[in-house]
Every structure is written in structure tokens, then in C-alpha cells.
Amino acid sequence: MSKKVLITGGTSGIGREFVDVFANNGFEVWFTYFSDTEKPIEVSKAFPQTPVTGFKLDLADYASVETLASALPSVPDVVIHNAGLGSKTVEKVSNTPQGQAEALIKVNAIGTLWLNNLLLPKMLERGSGKIILLSSVGGGVTQFPGFNYADGMSKAAIAFLGRTLGADLAQTGVDVFTICPGATDTPMFQASTLNHLNDEDQKKVIASLPKLRLINPREIAELGYFLTTDAGKVLHGAVLDASMGLGVNPGLLLK
């Protein structure tokens, strides 16, 4: 029987690449989406030879999280907590600073905690599983002046959760890892950092980054897949700086 992976936020960006990587490696894929405008049916149809199924999920609504956990056909072998809001995409949820801060913390941190709390006992009962949390270099590894406070706090909370789960699960059959991507070429990063800049200023930002380029979301997805292999076990509990060097030299963006 094929292994099953649950990927939250699987219709675009890093999440969409996770769907592709795991489907192409023989997994049955369950992904979540927030709205029908994300065209989840198109994602499923992209893999005619592999079961790829979408489930609606609102991480800010505990009833929605419970519904997802109950609707899954079985206990996933791999859970990838990828869905989240960014400092600009949150503006679609609320037009007030207070509402945006609440949404960032609730979706990115609390909703992830809710879902993990519902799935983890079943993984422990089975005695095996992989949990991958997606944080960010900003908040999860370091900090940048001027960065959205609530966004950074939510990512720091995910990194804390990953470390704590790593400690609690060290002698179980469930492995946990946290990935902290840097500047990745996703719609979320485009919205928060590049879209308001002209072409010349966009080039300057990209030229200031480590390796002089954006990270391809496929690179993060391939790293995530590696963590689910036997070779990844040695990294249990690790909070991985996947920023190509931005985490150790955050001043590059301030030049």
C-alpha cells in the first residue's frame, strides 16, 4: 500500500511543490485549500495516475480543523504543516491592524497547533509518522527590522513547537522537523516584498540575497521529502535554516 501524506495549503507556492514531489514519489496525497478560487480540482487532475485529493480547511476555525481530521480516510504517514498567511496576504482577511495580527497568530500558529494535536495521538498509537512544520527565516531563525511583528511571532511559535515536539517525541516512532525557508519565489513572497517595487528595485533586492537569487519552492519541497526518508531521521527535532545563508547574515537585506 502507498504511504499517505497530508499537506496543508497545497494549491500554490511551496505547498503545491510538496504535492508534486510526494505524488511523483508514490504517495497518496491529501492536500488542503481555503477557497474554491484556489482551483483544487485542477491540482487533483494534474495527477491522473496518483490519488490526489483536496480537503477544504480554515485553520482559524476549530470546527473546520476538526472536520478535516475526521474526514481523512486514515492516519497520514506524513503531515506537512505548510498553510499560512503572510504580512500582505493577511490583508484579504482583515483590513485592520488588530484583525490582521489576530489572523496571523491564529492561522499560522494556533490553527497548526490544533491540527497537530488532533493528528498526533493517532500517529503515536500507530507508532510511526513524520511531521514537518514550515516556519520562516524571519521569526524562526532570526529577525529583520521592520518585519511584521505578528507574522514574525507566529513563525517563532512554529519553531518553538517544532523544538518542543522534537523533545517530547524523541523516543517514539514519530519524527518531527521544522523548515525555515528564506526568500522563496512564491506568491506570498512576491506580495510581501516584490510586487510594490519597480523592476529595477526588484533586481536590487534579489541581487542582495545569498546566492544572488530567490529560492525555488521546489528546493524546499525536495528538502521536505528528504526528511521523510530514513536518511532524514538523524535530523529529528532540528529547526533547519533553509535560507541559503540569509539566516546567518540577515544584514544582506539591509544593504
C-alpha atoms as a PDB file:
ATOM      1  CA  MET A   1       0.000   0.000   0.000  1.00  0.00           C
ATOM      2  CA  SER A   2       1.195   3.508  -0.781  1.00  0.00           C
ATOM      3  CA  LYS A   3       2.016   5.879   2.033  1.00  0.00           C
ATOM      4  CA  LYS A   4      -0.255   8.852   2.692  1.00  0.00           C
ATOM      5  CA  VAL A   5       0.791  12.473   3.104  1.00  0.00           C
ATOM      6  CA  LEU A   6      -1.334  15.401   4.301  1.00  0.00           C
ATOM      7  CA  ILE A   7      -0.158  18.779   3.018  1.00  0.00           C
ATOM      8  CA  THR A   8      -1.928  21.889   4.261  1.00  0.00           C
ATOM      9  CA  GLY A   9      -2.078  24.734   1.775  1.00  0.00           C
ATOM     10  CA  GLY A  10      -1.345  22.587  -1.267  1.00  0.00           C
ATOM     11  CA  THR A  11      -2.594  24.695  -4.165  1.00  0.00           C
ATOM     12  CA  SER A  12       0.274  27.160  -4.654  1.00  0.00           C
ATOM     13  CA  GLY A  13       3.830  28.025  -3.707  1.00  0.00           C
ATOM     14  CA  ILE A  14       5.799  25.575  -1.596  1.00  0.00           C
ATOM     15  CA  GLY A  15       2.689  23.544  -0.791  1.00  0.00           C
ATOM     16  CA  ARG A  16       1.972  22.920  -4.464  1.00  0.00           C
ATOM     17  CA  GLU A  17       5.535  21.715  -4.956  1.00  0.00           C
ATOM     18  CA  PHE A  18       5.127  19.377  -1.981  1.00  0.00           C
ATOM     19  CA  VAL A  19       2.082  17.872  -3.699  1.00  0.00           C
ATOM     20  CA  ASP A  20       4.091  17.290  -6.854  1.00  0.00           C
ATOM     21  CA  VAL A  21       7.154  15.817  -5.139  1.00  0.00           C
ATOM     22  CA  PHE A  22       5.215  13.382  -2.949  1.00  0.00           C
ATOM     23  CA  ALA A  23       2.811  12.339  -5.714  1.00  0.00           C
ATOM     24  CA  ASN A  24       5.743  11.630  -8.021  1.00  0.00           C
ATOM     25  CA  ASN A  25       7.344   9.510  -5.290  1.00  0.00           C
ATOM     26  CA  GLY A  26       4.367   7.192  -4.980  1.00  0.00           C
ATOM     27  CA  PHE A  27       2.481   8.769  -2.091  1.00  0.00           C
ATOM     28  CA  GLU A  28      -1.257   9.129  -1.928  1.00  0.00           C
ATOM     29  CA  VAL A  29      -1.643  12.873  -1.410  1.00  0.00           C
ATOM     30  CA  TRP A  30      -4.258  14.711   0.634  1.00  0.00           C
ATOM     31  CA  PHE A  31      -3.945  18.484   0.401  1.00  0.00           C
ATOM     32  CA  THR A  32      -5.974  21.313   1.864  1.00  0.00           C
ATOM     33  CA  TYR A  33      -7.228  24.553   0.397  1.00  0.00           C
ATOM     34  CA  PHE A  34      -9.043  27.538   1.872  1.00  0.00           C
ATOM     35  CA  SER A  35     -11.235  28.635  -1.024  1.00  0.00           C
ATOM     36  CA  ASP A  36     -12.580  27.177  -4.256  1.00  0.00           C
ATOM     37  CA  THR A  37     -10.888  30.089  -6.044  1.00  0.00           C
ATOM     38  CA  GLU A  38      -7.630  28.196  -5.495  1.00  0.00           C
ATOM     39  CA  LYS A  39      -8.872  25.641  -8.071  1.00  0.00           C
ATOM     40  CA  PRO A  40      -8.235  22.473  -6.039  1.00  0.00           C
ATOM     41  CA  ILE A  41      -9.820  20.287  -8.726  1.00  0.00           C
ATOM     42  CA  GLU A  42      -7.113  21.335 -11.153  1.00  0.00           C
ATOM     43  CA  VAL A  43      -4.457  20.224  -8.673  1.00  0.00           C
ATOM     44  CA  SER A  44      -6.073  16.795  -8.362  1.00  0.00           C
ATOM     45  CA  LYS A  45      -6.469  16.426 -12.136  1.00  0.00           C
ATOM     46  CA  ALA A  46      -2.766  17.109 -12.645  1.00  0.00           C
ATOM     47  CA  PHE A  47      -2.015  13.592 -11.352  1.00  0.00           C
ATOM     48  CA  PRO A  48      -4.259  11.150 -13.236  1.00  0.00           C
ATOM     49  CA  GLN A  49      -2.188   8.141 -12.152  1.00  0.00           C
ATOM     50  CA  THR A  50      -1.960   9.040  -8.459  1.00  0.00           C
ATOM     51  CA  PRO A  51      -4.699   9.626  -5.851  1.00  0.00           C
ATOM     52  CA  VAL A  52      -4.512  13.346  -5.035  1.00  0.00           C
ATOM     53  CA  THR A  53      -7.486  14.659  -3.049  1.00  0.00           C
ATOM     54  CA  GLY A  54      -8.312  18.143  -1.811  1.00  0.00           C
ATOM     55  CA  PHE A  55      -9.995  18.965   1.504  1.00  0.00           C
ATOM     56  CA  LYS A  56     -11.318  22.376   2.488  1.00  0.00           C
ATOM     57  CA  LEU A  57      -9.729  23.824   5.621  1.00  0.00           C
ATOM     58  CA  ASP A  58      -9.903  27.079   7.565  1.00  0.00           C
ATOM     59  CA  LEU A  59      -7.153  26.972  10.175  1.00  0.00           C
ATOM     60  CA  ALA A  60      -8.745  29.889  12.018  1.00  0.00           C
ATOM     61  CA  ASP A  61     -11.873  27.822  12.697  1.00  0.00           C
ATOM     62  CA  TYR A  62     -11.539  24.900  15.121  1.00  0.00           C
ATOM     63  CA  ALA A  63     -14.696  23.267  13.754  1.00  0.00           C
ATOM     64  CA  SER A  64     -13.112  23.238  10.295  1.00  0.00           C
ATOM     65  CA  VAL A  65      -9.931  21.701  11.700  1.00  0.00           C
ATOM     66  CA  GLU A  66     -11.974  19.011  13.474  1.00  0.00           C
ATOM     67  CA  THR A  67     -13.913  18.312  10.296  1.00  0.00           C
ATOM     68  CA  LEU A  68     -10.711  17.790   8.336  1.00  0.00           C
ATOM     69  CA  ALA A  69      -9.221  15.457  10.947  1.00  0.00           C
ATOM     70  CA  SER A  70     -12.412  13.389  10.913  1.00  0.00           C
ATOM     71  CA  ALA A  71     -12.692  13.353   7.116  1.00  0.00           C
ATOM     72  CA  LEU A  72      -9.260  11.897   6.421  1.00  0.00           C
ATOM     73  CA  PRO A  73      -9.578   8.288   5.220  1.00  0.00           C
ATOM     74  CA  SER A  74      -6.877   7.110   7.607  1.00  0.00           C
ATOM     75  CA  VAL A  75      -3.962   8.343   9.692  1.00  0.00           C
ATOM     76  CA  PRO A  76      -1.410  10.032   7.404  1.00  0.00           C
ATOM     77  CA  ASP A  77       2.137   8.730   7.378  1.00  0.00           C
ATOM     78  CA  VAL A  78       3.455  12.254   6.813  1.00  0.00           C
ATOM     79  CA  VAL A  79       1.895  15.550   7.905  1.00  0.00           C
ATOM     80  CA  ILE A  80       3.235  18.768   6.413  1.00  0.00           C
ATOM     81  CA  HIS A  81       2.006  21.909   8.158  1.00  0.00           C
ATOM     82  CA  ASN A  82       2.541  24.352   5.309  1.00  0.00           C
ATOM     83  CA  ALA A  83      -0.596  26.548   5.127  1.00  0.00           C
ATOM     84  CA  GLY A  84      -0.343  30.063   6.469  1.00  0.00           C
ATOM     85  CA  LEU A  85      -0.815  33.762   5.962  1.00  0.00           C
ATOM     86  CA  GLY A  86       1.812  36.365   5.137  1.00  0.00           C
ATOM     87  CA  SER A  87       2.100  40.037   6.021  1.00  0.00           C
ATOM     88  CA  LYS A  88       0.342  41.001   2.766  1.00  0.00           C
ATOM     89  CA  THR A  89      -1.943  38.054   2.100  1.00  0.00           C
ATOM     90  CA  VAL A  90      -3.475  38.621   5.528  1.00  0.00           C
ATOM     91  CA  GLU A  91      -4.945  41.849   4.155  1.00  0.00           C
ATOM     92  CA  LYS A  92      -7.512  39.708   2.335  1.00  0.00           C
ATOM     93  CA  VAL A  93      -8.751  38.514   5.728  1.00  0.00           C
ATOM     94  CA  SER A  94      -8.923  41.809   7.612  1.00  0.00           C
ATOM     95  CA  ASN A  95      -8.418  45.499   6.885  1.00  0.00           C
ATOM     96  CA  THR A  96      -7.483  46.489  10.451  1.00  0.00           C
ATOM     97  CA  PRO A  97      -4.109  46.055  12.201  1.00  0.00           C
ATOM     98  CA  GLN A  98      -5.811  44.306  15.098  1.00  0.00           C
ATOM     99  CA  GLY A  99      -7.670  41.871  12.865  1.00  0.00           C
ATOM    100  CA  GLN A 100      -4.588  41.141  10.806  1.00  0.00           C
ATOM    101  CA  ALA A 101      -2.468  40.427  13.886  1.00  0.00           C
ATOM    102  CA  GLU A 102      -5.125  38.087  15.234  1.00  0.00           C
ATOM    103  CA  ALA A 103      -5.425  36.261  11.916  1.00  0.00           C
ATOM    104  CA  LEU A 104      -1.647  35.790  11.555  1.00  0.00           C
ATOM    105  CA  ILE A 105      -1.291  34.298  15.022  1.00  0.00           C
ATOM    106  CA  LYS A 106      -4.459  32.227  14.801  1.00  0.00           C
ATOM    107  CA  VAL A 107      -3.892  30.745  11.331  1.00  0.00           C
ATOM    108  CA  ASN A 108      -0.115  30.334  11.374  1.00  0.00           C
ATOM    109  CA  ALA A 109       0.332  29.169  14.950  1.00  0.00           C
ATOM    110  CA  ILE A 110      -2.869  28.250  16.759  1.00  0.00           C
ATOM    111  CA  GLY A 111      -4.545  26.509  13.821  1.00  0.00           C
ATOM    112  CA  THR A 112      -1.404  24.478  13.190  1.00  0.00           C
ATOM    113  CA  LEU A 113      -1.307  23.510  16.863  1.00  0.00           C
ATOM    114  CA  TRP A 114      -4.981  22.497  16.775  1.00  0.00           C
ATOM    115  CA  LEU A 115      -4.498  20.250  13.770  1.00  0.00           C
ATOM    116  CA  ASN A 116      -1.333  18.705  15.110  1.00  0.00           C
ATOM    117  CA  ASN A 117      -2.985  17.988  18.464  1.00  0.00           C
ATOM    118  CA  LEU A 118      -5.762  16.092  16.699  1.00  0.00           C
ATOM    119  CA  LEU A 119      -3.472  14.016  14.461  1.00  0.00           C
ATOM    120  CA  LEU A 120      -0.517  13.283  16.731  1.00  0.00           C
ATOM    121  CA  PRO A 121      -2.250  10.866  19.159  1.00  0.00           C
ATOM    122  CA  LYS A 122      -3.270   8.656  16.237  1.00  0.00           C
ATOM    123  CA  MET A 123       0.295   8.660  14.896  1.00  0.00           C
ATOM    124  CA  LEU A 124       1.646   7.751  18.314  1.00  0.00           C
ATOM    125  CA  GLU A 125      -0.916   4.966  18.670  1.00  0.00           C
ATOM    126  CA  ARG A 126       0.247   3.562  15.341  1.00  0.00           C
ATOM    127  CA  GLY A 127       3.876   4.010  16.398  1.00  0.00           C
ATOM    128  CA  SER A 128       5.168   5.838  13.332  1.00  0.00           C
ATOM    129  CA  GLY A 129       4.928   9.057  11.386  1.00  0.00           C
ATOM    130  CA  LYS A 130       6.681  12.176  10.154  1.00  0.00           C
ATOM    131  CA  ILE A 131       5.698  15.747  10.997  1.00  0.00           C
ATOM    132  CA  ILE A 132       7.142  18.669   9.045  1.00  0.00           C
ATOM    133  CA  LEU A 133       6.439  22.212  10.188  1.00  0.00           C
ATOM    134  CA  LEU A 134       7.015  25.212   7.911  1.00  0.00           C
ATOM    135  CA  SER A 135       8.252  28.303   9.716  1.00  0.00           C
ATOM    136  CA  SER A 136      10.386  31.083   8.197  1.00  0.00           C
ATOM    137  CA  VAL A 137      13.882  32.518   8.473  1.00  0.00           C
ATOM    138  CA  GLY A 138      12.197  35.664   9.838  1.00  0.00           C
ATOM    139  CA  GLY A 139      10.962  34.644  13.284  1.00  0.00           C
ATOM    140  CA  GLY A 140      12.044  31.031  13.096  1.00  0.00           C
ATOM    141  CA  VAL A 141      15.773  31.747  12.859  1.00  0.00           C
ATOM    142  CA  THR A 142      16.451  35.467  13.109  1.00  0.00           C
ATOM    143  CA  GLN A 143      14.695  38.811  12.893  1.00  0.00           C
ATOM    144  CA  PHE A 144      14.609  41.683  10.439  1.00  0.00           C
ATOM    145  CA  PRO A 145      13.950  45.315  11.388  1.00  0.00           C
ATOM    146  CA  GLY A 146      10.567  46.464  10.138  1.00  0.00           C
ATOM    147  CA  PHE A 147       9.171  42.958   9.757  1.00  0.00           C
ATOM    148  CA  ASN A 148       5.533  42.474  10.686  1.00  0.00           C
ATOM    149  CA  TYR A 149       5.505  41.686  14.423  1.00  0.00           C
ATOM    150  CA  ALA A 150       2.590  39.269  14.401  1.00  0.00           C
ATOM    151  CA  ASP A 151       3.935  37.458  11.345  1.00  0.00           C
ATOM    152  CA  GLY A 152       7.338  37.012  12.991  1.00  0.00           C
ATOM    153  CA  MET A 153       5.756  35.951  16.275  1.00  0.00           C
ATOM    154  CA  SER A 154       3.683  33.297  14.523  1.00  0.00           C
ATOM    155  CA  LYS A 155       6.758  31.865  12.802  1.00  0.00           C
ATOM    156  CA  ALA A 156       8.717  31.905  16.062  1.00  0.00           C
ATOM    157  CA  ALA A 157       5.857  29.974  17.666  1.00  0.00           C
ATOM    158  CA  ILE A 158       6.102  27.294  14.982  1.00  0.00           C
ATOM    159  CA  ALA A 159       9.842  26.924  15.537  1.00  0.00           C
ATOM    160  CA  PHE A 160       9.215  26.604  19.274  1.00  0.00           C
ATOM    161  CA  LEU A 161       6.551  23.985  18.627  1.00  0.00           C
ATOM    162  CA  GLY A 162       8.970  22.044  16.441  1.00  0.00           C
ATOM    163  CA  ARG A 163      11.686  22.045  19.093  1.00  0.00           C
ATOM    164  CA  THR A 164       9.299  21.027  21.839  1.00  0.00           C
ATOM    165  CA  LEU A 165       7.714  18.256  19.783  1.00  0.00           C
ATOM    166  CA  GLY A 166      11.212  17.098  18.916  1.00  0.00           C
ATOM    167  CA  ALA A 167      11.997  16.766  22.618  1.00  0.00           C
ATOM    168  CA  ASP A 168       8.715  15.085  23.524  1.00  0.00           C
ATOM    169  CA  LEU A 169       8.806  12.621  20.626  1.00  0.00           C
ATOM    170  CA  ALA A 170      12.498  11.717  20.730  1.00  0.00           C
ATOM    171  CA  GLN A 171      11.843   8.176  21.954  1.00  0.00           C
ATOM    172  CA  THR A 172       8.745   7.491  19.888  1.00  0.00           C
ATOM    173  CA  GLY A 173       8.290   6.344  16.315  1.00  0.00           C
ATOM    174  CA  VAL A 174       7.203   9.824  15.232  1.00  0.00           C
ATOM    175  CA  ASP A 175       9.839  12.161  13.824  1.00  0.00           C
ATOM    176  CA  VAL A 176       9.450  15.932  13.642  1.00  0.00           C
ATOM    177  CA  PHE A 177      11.338  18.566  11.662  1.00  0.00           C
ATOM    178  CA  THR A 178      10.956  22.316  11.141  1.00  0.00           C
ATOM    179  CA  ILE A 179      11.960  24.042   7.905  1.00  0.00           C
ATOM    180  CA  CYS A 180      12.617  27.791   7.874  1.00  0.00           C
ATOM    181  CA  PRO A 181      12.741  28.968   4.242  1.00  0.00           C
ATOM    182  CA  GLY A 182      14.314  32.257   3.255  1.00  0.00           C
ATOM    183  CA  ALA A 183      13.292  34.444   0.324  1.00  0.00           C
ATOM    184  CA  THR A 184      11.396  31.941  -1.804  1.00  0.00           C
ATOM    185  CA  ASP A 185       9.796  32.624  -5.170  1.00  0.00           C
ATOM    186  CA  THR A 186       6.183  32.190  -4.071  1.00  0.00           C
ATOM    187  CA  PRO A 187       3.054  34.335  -4.468  1.00  0.00           C
ATOM    188  CA  MET A 188       3.279  35.139  -0.741  1.00  0.00           C
ATOM    189  CA  PHE A 189       6.840  36.490  -1.006  1.00  0.00           C
ATOM    190  CA  GLN A 190       6.014  38.333  -4.204  1.00  0.00           C
ATOM    191  CA  ALA A 191       3.108  40.044  -2.439  1.00  0.00           C
ATOM    192  CA  SER A 192       5.023  40.975   0.702  1.00  0.00           C
ATOM    193  CA  THR A 193       8.332  42.077  -0.798  1.00  0.00           C
ATOM    194  CA  LEU A 194       8.466  42.498  -4.573  1.00  0.00           C
ATOM    195  CA  ASN A 195       5.115  43.457  -6.040  1.00  0.00           C
ATOM    196  CA  HIS A 196       5.232  47.046  -4.769  1.00  0.00           C
ATOM    197  CA  LEU A 197       8.680  47.612  -6.300  1.00  0.00           C
ATOM    198  CA  ASN A 198       9.586  48.590  -9.838  1.00  0.00           C
ATOM    199  CA  ASP A 199      11.691  46.243 -11.972  1.00  0.00           C
ATOM    200  CA  GLU A 200      14.986  47.899 -11.057  1.00  0.00           C
ATOM    201  CA  ASP A 201      14.337  47.780  -7.321  1.00  0.00           C
ATOM    202  CA  GLN A 202      13.186  44.156  -7.565  1.00  0.00           C
ATOM    203  CA  LYS A 203      16.506  43.292  -9.192  1.00  0.00           C
ATOM    204  CA  LYS A 204      18.365  45.084  -6.397  1.00  0.00           C
ATOM    205  CA  VAL A 205      16.530  43.093  -3.729  1.00  0.00           C
ATOM    206  CA  ILE A 206      17.244  39.799  -5.482  1.00  0.00           C
ATOM    207  CA  ALA A 207      20.888  40.765  -6.039  1.00  0.00           C
ATOM    208  CA  SER A 208      21.239  41.395  -2.281  1.00  0.00           C
ATOM    209  CA  LEU A 209      20.196  37.852  -1.410  1.00  0.00           C
ATOM    210  CA  PRO A 210      22.542  34.944  -0.700  1.00  0.00           C
ATOM    211  CA  LYS A 211      23.479  33.178  -3.954  1.00  0.00           C
ATOM    212  CA  LEU A 212      22.075  36.282  -5.718  1.00  0.00           C
ATOM    213  CA  ARG A 213      18.720  34.637  -6.337  1.00  0.00           C
ATOM    214  CA  LEU A 214      15.411  33.616  -4.857  1.00  0.00           C
ATOM    215  CA  ILE A 215      14.958  30.089  -3.543  1.00  0.00           C
ATOM    216  CA  ASN A 216      12.904  27.888  -5.844  1.00  0.00           C
ATOM    217  CA  PRO A 217       9.939  26.445  -3.908  1.00  0.00           C
ATOM    218  CA  ARG A 218      10.826  23.053  -5.384  1.00  0.00           C
ATOM    219  CA  GLU A 219      14.073  23.155  -3.411  1.00  0.00           C
ATOM    220  CA  ILE A 220      12.131  23.404  -0.141  1.00  0.00           C
ATOM    221  CA  ALA A 221       9.792  20.595  -1.195  1.00  0.00           C
ATOM    222  CA  GLU A 222      12.721  18.329  -2.095  1.00  0.00           C
ATOM    223  CA  LEU A 223      14.273  19.051   1.300  1.00  0.00           C
ATOM    224  CA  GLY A 224      10.990  18.127   2.959  1.00  0.00           C
ATOM    225  CA  TYR A 225      10.816  14.853   1.069  1.00  0.00           C
ATOM    226  CA  PHE A 226      14.385  14.022   2.101  1.00  0.00           C
ATOM    227  CA  LEU A 227      13.415  14.461   5.741  1.00  0.00           C
ATOM    228  CA  THR A 228      10.807  11.709   5.382  1.00  0.00           C
ATOM    229  CA  THR A 229      13.395   9.183   4.215  1.00  0.00           C
ATOM    230  CA  ASP A 230      15.500   7.011   6.502  1.00  0.00           C
ATOM    231  CA  ALA A 231      18.447   9.340   5.886  1.00  0.00           C
ATOM    232  CA  GLY A 232      16.473  12.215   7.402  1.00  0.00           C
ATOM    233  CA  LYS A 233      15.974  10.550  10.785  1.00  0.00           C
ATOM    234  CA  VAL A 234      19.243  11.946  12.119  1.00  0.00           C
ATOM    235  CA  LEU A 235      17.714  15.439  11.895  1.00  0.00           C
ATOM    236  CA  HIS A 236      14.829  14.647  14.263  1.00  0.00           C
ATOM    237  CA  GLY A 237      13.926  17.801  16.180  1.00  0.00           C
ATOM    238  CA  ALA A 238      16.031  20.091  14.019  1.00  0.00           C
ATOM    239  CA  VAL A 239      14.926  23.588  13.081  1.00  0.00           C
ATOM    240  CA  LEU A 240      16.508  23.879   9.670  1.00  0.00           C
ATOM    241  CA  ASP A 241      17.711  27.207   8.314  1.00  0.00           C
ATOM    242  CA  ALA A 242      16.796  26.768   4.639  1.00  0.00           C
ATOM    243  CA  SER A 243      17.584  30.332   3.601  1.00  0.00           C
ATOM    244  CA  MET A 244      20.815  29.833   1.589  1.00  0.00           C
ATOM    245  CA  GLY A 245      22.659  31.916   4.180  1.00  0.00           C
ATOM    246  CA  LEU A 246      20.217  34.736   4.940  1.00  0.00           C
ATOM    247  CA  GLY A 247      19.674  33.380   8.432  1.00  0.00           C
ATOM    248  CA  VAL A 248      23.361  33.711   9.324  1.00  0.00           C
ATOM    249  CA  ASN A 249      23.742  37.031   7.510  1.00  0.00           C
ATOM    250  CA  PRO A 250      20.400  38.884   7.768  1.00  0.00           C
ATOM    251  CA  GLY A 251      22.173  42.191   7.191  1.00  0.00           C
ATOM    252  CA  LEU A 252      22.371  41.407   3.468  1.00  0.00           C
ATOM    253  CA  LEU A 253      18.818  42.680   3.063  1.00  0.00           C
ATOM    254  CA  LEU A 254      19.671  45.940   4.819  1.00  0.00           C
ATOM    255  CA  LYS A 255      22.438  46.995   2.439  1.00  0.00           C
END
